[in-house]
C-alpha atoms as a PDB file:
ATOM      1  CA  UNK A   1     -19.613  57.426  44.131  1.00  0.00           C
ATOM      2  CA  UNK A   2     -21.295  54.814  42.547  1.00  0.00           C
ATOM      3  CA  UNK A   3     -24.940  54.667  43.952  1.00  0.00           C
ATOM      4  CA  UNK A   4     -26.061  51.597  41.832  1.00  0.00           C
ATOM      5  CA  UNK A   5     -27.603  48.308  43.891  1.00  0.00           C
ATOM      6  CA  UNK A   6     -24.655  46.170  44.948  1.00  0.00           C
ATOM      7  CA  UNK A   7     -23.860  43.079  43.046  1.00  0.00           C
ATOM      8  CA  UNK A   8     -24.685  40.712  46.338  1.00  0.00           C
ATOM      9  CA  UNK A   9     -28.302  42.846  47.427  1.00  0.00           C
ATOM     10  CA  UNK A  10     -28.971  42.584  43.730  1.00  0.00           C
ATOM     11  CA  UNK A  11     -28.244  38.947  43.034  1.00  0.00           C
ATOM     12  CA  UNK A  12     -30.187  38.107  46.073  1.00  0.00           C
ATOM     13  CA  UNK A  13     -33.225  40.164  45.099  1.00  0.00           C
ATOM     14  CA  UNK A  14     -33.333  38.678  41.926  1.00  0.00           C
ATOM     15  CA  UNK A  15     -33.314  35.166  43.736  1.00  0.00           C
ATOM     16  CA  UNK A  16     -35.950  36.026  45.885  1.00  0.00           C
ATOM     17  CA  UNK A  17     -38.112  37.414  42.868  1.00  0.00           C
ATOM     18  CA  UNK A  18     -37.089  34.032  41.046  1.00  0.00           C
ATOM     19  CA  UNK A  19     -38.492  32.072  43.935  1.00  0.00           C
ATOM     20  CA  UNK A  20     -41.936  34.389  44.098  1.00  0.00           C
ATOM     21  CA  UNK A  21     -42.351  34.257  40.639  1.00  0.00           C
ATOM     22  CA  UNK A  22     -41.239  30.479  39.574  1.00  0.00           C
ATOM     23  CA  UNK A  23     -41.560  28.704  42.917  1.00  0.00           C
ATOM     24  CA  UNK A  24     -39.802  25.492  43.433  1.00  0.00           C
ATOM     25  CA  UNK A  25     -42.415  21.954  44.605  1.00  0.00           C
ATOM     26  CA  UNK A  26     -45.600  24.527  43.852  1.00  0.00           C
ATOM     27  CA  UNK A  27     -48.640  22.457  44.092  1.00  0.00           C
ATOM     28  CA  UNK A  28     -50.586  19.295  45.600  1.00  0.00           C
ATOM     29  CA  UNK A  29     -48.940  16.498  47.093  1.00  0.00           C
ATOM     30  CA  UNK A  30     -50.731  13.061  46.394  1.00  0.00           C
ATOM     31  CA  UNK A  31     -49.363  10.736  48.562  1.00  0.00           C
ATOM     32  CA  UNK A  32     -48.714  12.786  51.636  1.00  0.00           C
ATOM     33  CA  UNK A  33     -48.614  11.703  55.314  1.00  0.00           C
ATOM     34  CA  UNK A  34     -48.888  15.329  56.459  1.00  0.00           C
ATOM     35  CA  UNK A  35     -50.966  18.688  55.454  1.00  0.00           C
ATOM     36  CA  UNK A  36     -51.223  21.815  57.469  1.00  0.00           C
ATOM     37  CA  UNK A  37     -52.770  25.147  56.993  1.00  0.00           C
ATOM     38  CA  UNK A  38     -50.900  28.298  58.243  1.00  0.00           C
ATOM     39  CA  UNK A  39     -52.056  31.879  57.513  1.00  0.00           C
ATOM     40  CA  UNK A  40     -50.404  35.433  58.886  1.00  0.00           C
ATOM     41  CA  UNK A  41     -53.921  37.567  59.966  1.00  0.00           C
ATOM     42  CA  UNK A  42     -51.538  40.291  60.157  1.00  0.00           C
ATOM     43  CA  UNK A  43     -50.886  40.552  56.243  1.00  0.00           C
ATOM     44  CA  UNK A  44     -53.025  37.580  55.194  1.00  0.00           C
ATOM     45  CA  UNK A  45     -50.237  35.255  53.563  1.00  0.00           C
ATOM     46  CA  UNK A  46     -51.225  31.965  53.320  1.00  0.00           C
ATOM     47  CA  UNK A  47     -49.671  28.657  52.404  1.00  0.00           C
ATOM     48  CA  UNK A  48     -50.998  25.038  52.599  1.00  0.00           C
ATOM     49  CA  UNK A  49     -47.407  22.366  53.485  1.00  0.00           C
ATOM     50  CA  UNK A  50     -47.902  19.486  52.471  1.00  0.00           C
ATOM     51  CA  UNK A  51     -44.981  16.531  53.824  1.00  0.00           C
ATOM     52  CA  UNK A  52     -44.378  13.002  52.677  1.00  0.00           C
ATOM     53  CA  UNK A  53     -42.747  11.642  55.719  1.00  0.00           C
ATOM     54  CA  UNK A  54     -41.199   7.852  55.971  1.00  0.00           C
ATOM     55  CA  UNK A  55     -38.482   6.680  58.308  1.00  0.00           C
ATOM     56  CA  UNK A  56     -38.252  10.178  59.793  1.00  0.00           C
ATOM     57  CA  UNK A  57     -37.326  11.688  56.898  1.00  0.00           C
ATOM     58  CA  UNK A  58     -39.141  14.242  54.666  1.00  0.00           C
ATOM     59  CA  UNK A  59     -39.174  12.188  50.730  1.00  0.00           C
ATOM     60  CA  UNK A  60     -41.337  14.852  49.016  1.00  0.00           C
ATOM     61  CA  UNK A  61     -43.656  18.267  49.856  1.00  0.00           C
ATOM     62  CA  UNK A  62     -45.428  20.171  48.265  1.00  0.00           C
ATOM     63  CA  UNK A  63     -47.195  23.674  48.789  1.00  0.00           C
ATOM     64  CA  UNK A  64     -49.892  25.993  47.828  1.00  0.00           C
ATOM     65  CA  UNK A  65     -49.770  29.488  49.058  1.00  0.00           C
ATOM     66  CA  UNK A  66     -50.913  32.952  48.623  1.00  0.00           C
ATOM     67  CA  UNK A  67     -48.879  36.420  49.601  1.00  0.00           C
ATOM     68  CA  UNK A  68     -46.179  38.479  49.108  1.00  0.00           C
ATOM     69  CA  UNK A  69     -42.652  37.532  47.591  1.00  0.00           C
ATOM     70  CA  UNK A  70     -41.365  37.266  50.801  1.00  0.00           C
ATOM     71  CA  UNK A  71     -43.663  34.473  52.087  1.00  0.00           C
ATOM     72  CA  UNK A  72     -44.260  32.438  48.811  1.00  0.00           C
ATOM     73  CA  UNK A  73     -40.095  32.999  48.066  1.00  0.00           C
ATOM     74  CA  UNK A  74     -39.171  31.556  51.648  1.00  0.00           C
ATOM     75  CA  UNK A  75     -41.238  28.456  51.287  1.00  0.00           C
ATOM     76  CA  UNK A  76     -40.117  27.654  47.856  1.00  0.00           C
ATOM     77  CA  UNK A  77     -36.540  27.970  49.075  1.00  0.00           C
ATOM     78  CA  UNK A  78     -37.699  26.297  52.083  1.00  0.00           C
ATOM     79  CA  UNK A  79     -39.116  22.981  49.632  1.00  0.00           C
ATOM     80  CA  UNK A  80     -35.866  22.658  47.921  1.00  0.00           C
ATOM     81  CA  UNK A  81     -33.539  22.236  50.648  1.00  0.00           C
ATOM     82  CA  UNK A  82     -35.696  20.110  52.522  1.00  0.00           C
ATOM     83  CA  UNK A  83     -36.361  17.473  50.192  1.00  0.00           C
ATOM     84  CA  UNK A  84     -35.145  14.349  50.908  1.00  0.00           C
ATOM     85  CA  UNK A  85     -33.778  15.593  54.594  1.00  0.00           C
ATOM     86  CA  UNK A  86     -34.371  13.774  57.644  1.00  0.00           C
ATOM     87  CA  UNK A  87     -36.586  15.418  60.593  1.00  0.00           C
ATOM     88  CA  UNK A  88     -33.341  16.580  62.677  1.00  0.00           C
ATOM     89  CA  UNK A  89     -31.700  18.409  60.117  1.00  0.00           C
ATOM     90  CA  UNK A  90     -34.976  19.895  59.313  1.00  0.00           C
ATOM     91  CA  UNK A  91     -35.540  21.108  62.620  1.00  0.00           C
ATOM     92  CA  UNK A  92     -31.947  22.556  62.608  1.00  0.00           C
ATOM     93  CA  UNK A  93     -32.652  24.399  59.376  1.00  0.00           C
ATOM     94  CA  UNK A  94     -35.622  26.069  61.118  1.00  0.00           C
ATOM     95  CA  UNK A  95     -33.846  27.027  64.068  1.00  0.00           C
ATOM     96  CA  UNK A  96     -30.765  28.144  62.070  1.00  0.00           C
ATOM     97  CA  UNK A  97     -33.347  30.162  59.549  1.00  0.00           C
ATOM     98  CA  UNK A  98     -35.700  31.040  62.544  1.00  0.00           C
ATOM     99  CA  UNK A  99     -32.042  33.050  64.350  1.00  0.00           C
ATOM    100  CA  UNK A 100     -31.318  34.758  61.030  1.00  0.00           C
ATOM    101  CA  UNK A 101     -34.373  36.201  60.945  1.00  0.00           C
ATOM    102  CA  UNK A 102     -34.407  37.399  64.611  1.00  0.00           C
ATOM    103  CA  UNK A 103     -30.764  39.068  63.568  1.00  0.00           C
ATOM    104  CA  UNK A 104     -27.892  36.312  64.288  1.00  0.00           C
ATOM    105  CA  UNK A 105     -25.562  37.674  61.708  1.00  0.00           C
ATOM    106  CA  UNK A 106     -23.656  34.082  62.159  1.00  0.00           C
ATOM    107  CA  UNK A 107     -27.263  31.915  61.400  1.00  0.00           C
ATOM    108  CA  UNK A 108     -26.906  34.458  57.904  1.00  0.00           C
ATOM    109  CA  UNK A 109     -23.259  33.079  57.144  1.00  0.00           C
ATOM    110  CA  UNK A 110     -24.236  29.180  57.740  1.00  0.00           C
ATOM    111  CA  UNK A 111     -23.980  27.875  54.062  1.00  0.00           C
ATOM    112  CA  UNK A 112     -26.643  24.466  55.002  1.00  0.00           C
ATOM    113  CA  UNK A 113     -29.525  27.622  54.567  1.00  0.00           C
ATOM    114  CA  UNK A 114     -28.436  27.705  50.740  1.00  0.00           C
ATOM    115  CA  UNK A 115     -30.390  30.349  49.019  1.00  0.00           C
ATOM    116  CA  UNK A 116     -32.823  31.047  52.415  1.00  0.00           C
ATOM    117  CA  UNK A 117     -29.734  33.469  52.980  1.00  0.00           C
ATOM    118  CA  UNK A 118     -30.929  36.129  50.866  1.00  0.00           C
ATOM    119  CA  UNK A 119     -33.745  36.050  53.477  1.00  0.00           C
ATOM    120  CA  UNK A 120     -31.077  37.362  55.749  1.00  0.00           C
ATOM    121  CA  UNK A 121     -32.072  41.524  55.046  1.00  0.00           C
ATOM    122  CA  UNK A 122     -35.852  40.762  56.271  1.00  0.00           C
ATOM    123  CA  UNK A 123     -34.349  40.820  59.682  1.00  0.00           C
ATOM    124  CA  UNK A 124     -34.141  44.685  59.521  1.00  0.00           C
ATOM    125  CA  UNK A 125     -37.785  44.788  58.773  1.00  0.00           C
ATOM    126  CA  UNK A 126     -39.360  43.243  61.554  1.00  0.00           C
ATOM    127  CA  UNK A 127     -43.197  43.595  59.574  1.00  0.00           C
ATOM    128  CA  UNK A 128     -41.926  40.914  57.555  1.00  0.00           C
ATOM    129  CA  UNK A 129     -39.985  38.783  59.781  1.00  0.00           C
ATOM    130  CA  UNK A 130     -43.312  36.799  59.930  1.00  0.00           C
ATOM    131  CA  UNK A 131     -43.682  36.495  56.217  1.00  0.00           C
ATOM    132  CA  UNK A 132     -40.580  34.656  56.682  1.00  0.00           C
ATOM    133  CA  UNK A 133     -41.074  32.735  59.004  1.00  0.00           C
ATOM    134  CA  UNK A 134     -44.705  31.137  57.677  1.00  0.00           C
ATOM    135  CA  UNK A 135     -43.388  28.547  55.563  1.00  0.00           C
ATOM    136  CA  UNK A 136     -40.874  27.326  58.596  1.00  0.00           C
ATOM    137  CA  UNK A 137     -43.915  27.769  61.231  1.00  0.00           C
ATOM    138  CA  UNK A 138     -45.687  25.570  58.762  1.00  0.00           C
ATOM    139  CA  UNK A 139     -43.013  23.015  58.668  1.00  0.00           C
ATOM    140  CA  UNK A 140     -42.870  22.662  62.699  1.00  0.00           C
ATOM    141  CA  UNK A 141     -46.428  22.308  63.047  1.00  0.00           C
ATOM    142  CA  UNK A 142     -46.569  19.799  60.291  1.00  0.00           C
ATOM    143  CA  UNK A 143     -43.326  17.802  61.778  1.00  0.00           C
ATOM    144  CA  UNK A 144     -45.093  17.945  65.150  1.00  0.00           C
ATOM    145  CA  UNK A 145     -48.386  16.817  64.046  1.00  0.00           C
ATOM    146  CA  UNK A 146     -46.358  13.677  62.308  1.00  0.00           C
ATOM    147  CA  UNK A 147     -44.741  13.022  65.439  1.00  0.00           C
ATOM    148  CA  UNK A 148     -48.451  13.004  67.328  1.00  0.00           C
ATOM    149  CA  UNK A 149     -50.203  10.683  64.472  1.00  0.00           C
ATOM    150  CA  UNK A 150     -47.481   8.447  64.596  1.00  0.00           C
ATOM    151  CA  UNK A 151     -47.481   8.091  68.668  1.00  0.00           C
ATOM    152  CA  UNK A 152     -50.953   7.836  68.649  1.00  0.00           C
ATOM    153  CA  UNK A 153     -50.463   4.915  66.094  1.00  0.00           C
ATOM    154  CA  UNK A 154     -48.202   3.292  68.009  1.00  0.00           C
ATOM    155  CA  UNK A 155     -50.346   3.153  70.643  1.00  0.00           C
END
């Protein structure tokens, strides 16, 4: 009986570590239209998410953060998927990912989640789910904040 790590699991672990060690879209976004700072008080993970939203589209996004490999890899993967997407699509990805984190196996097979599917195993560790969702919580808050600011500016 082969006791080595299954190839898919090993690939997923490698992908998570790669995004943790070499985060995509990390840094300050000079021409941001919205910024949100989120912190997980349970473990101390934190993320500052900055987006430039124009015509209901995420034109650019960057993040700064500190925390475990799960929280930082998750926001890095999220940033690569959402850049250039419309807000409706971003909401859909966030809902789908949240479903996956709560054990929805269909969501875990959804190709629109791309590399985020590598985090499906986190659902088995409830204490780590908040880590994986931190970036998405920041995203939801940023989109809500942007919408409120646009409503205020339009009145």
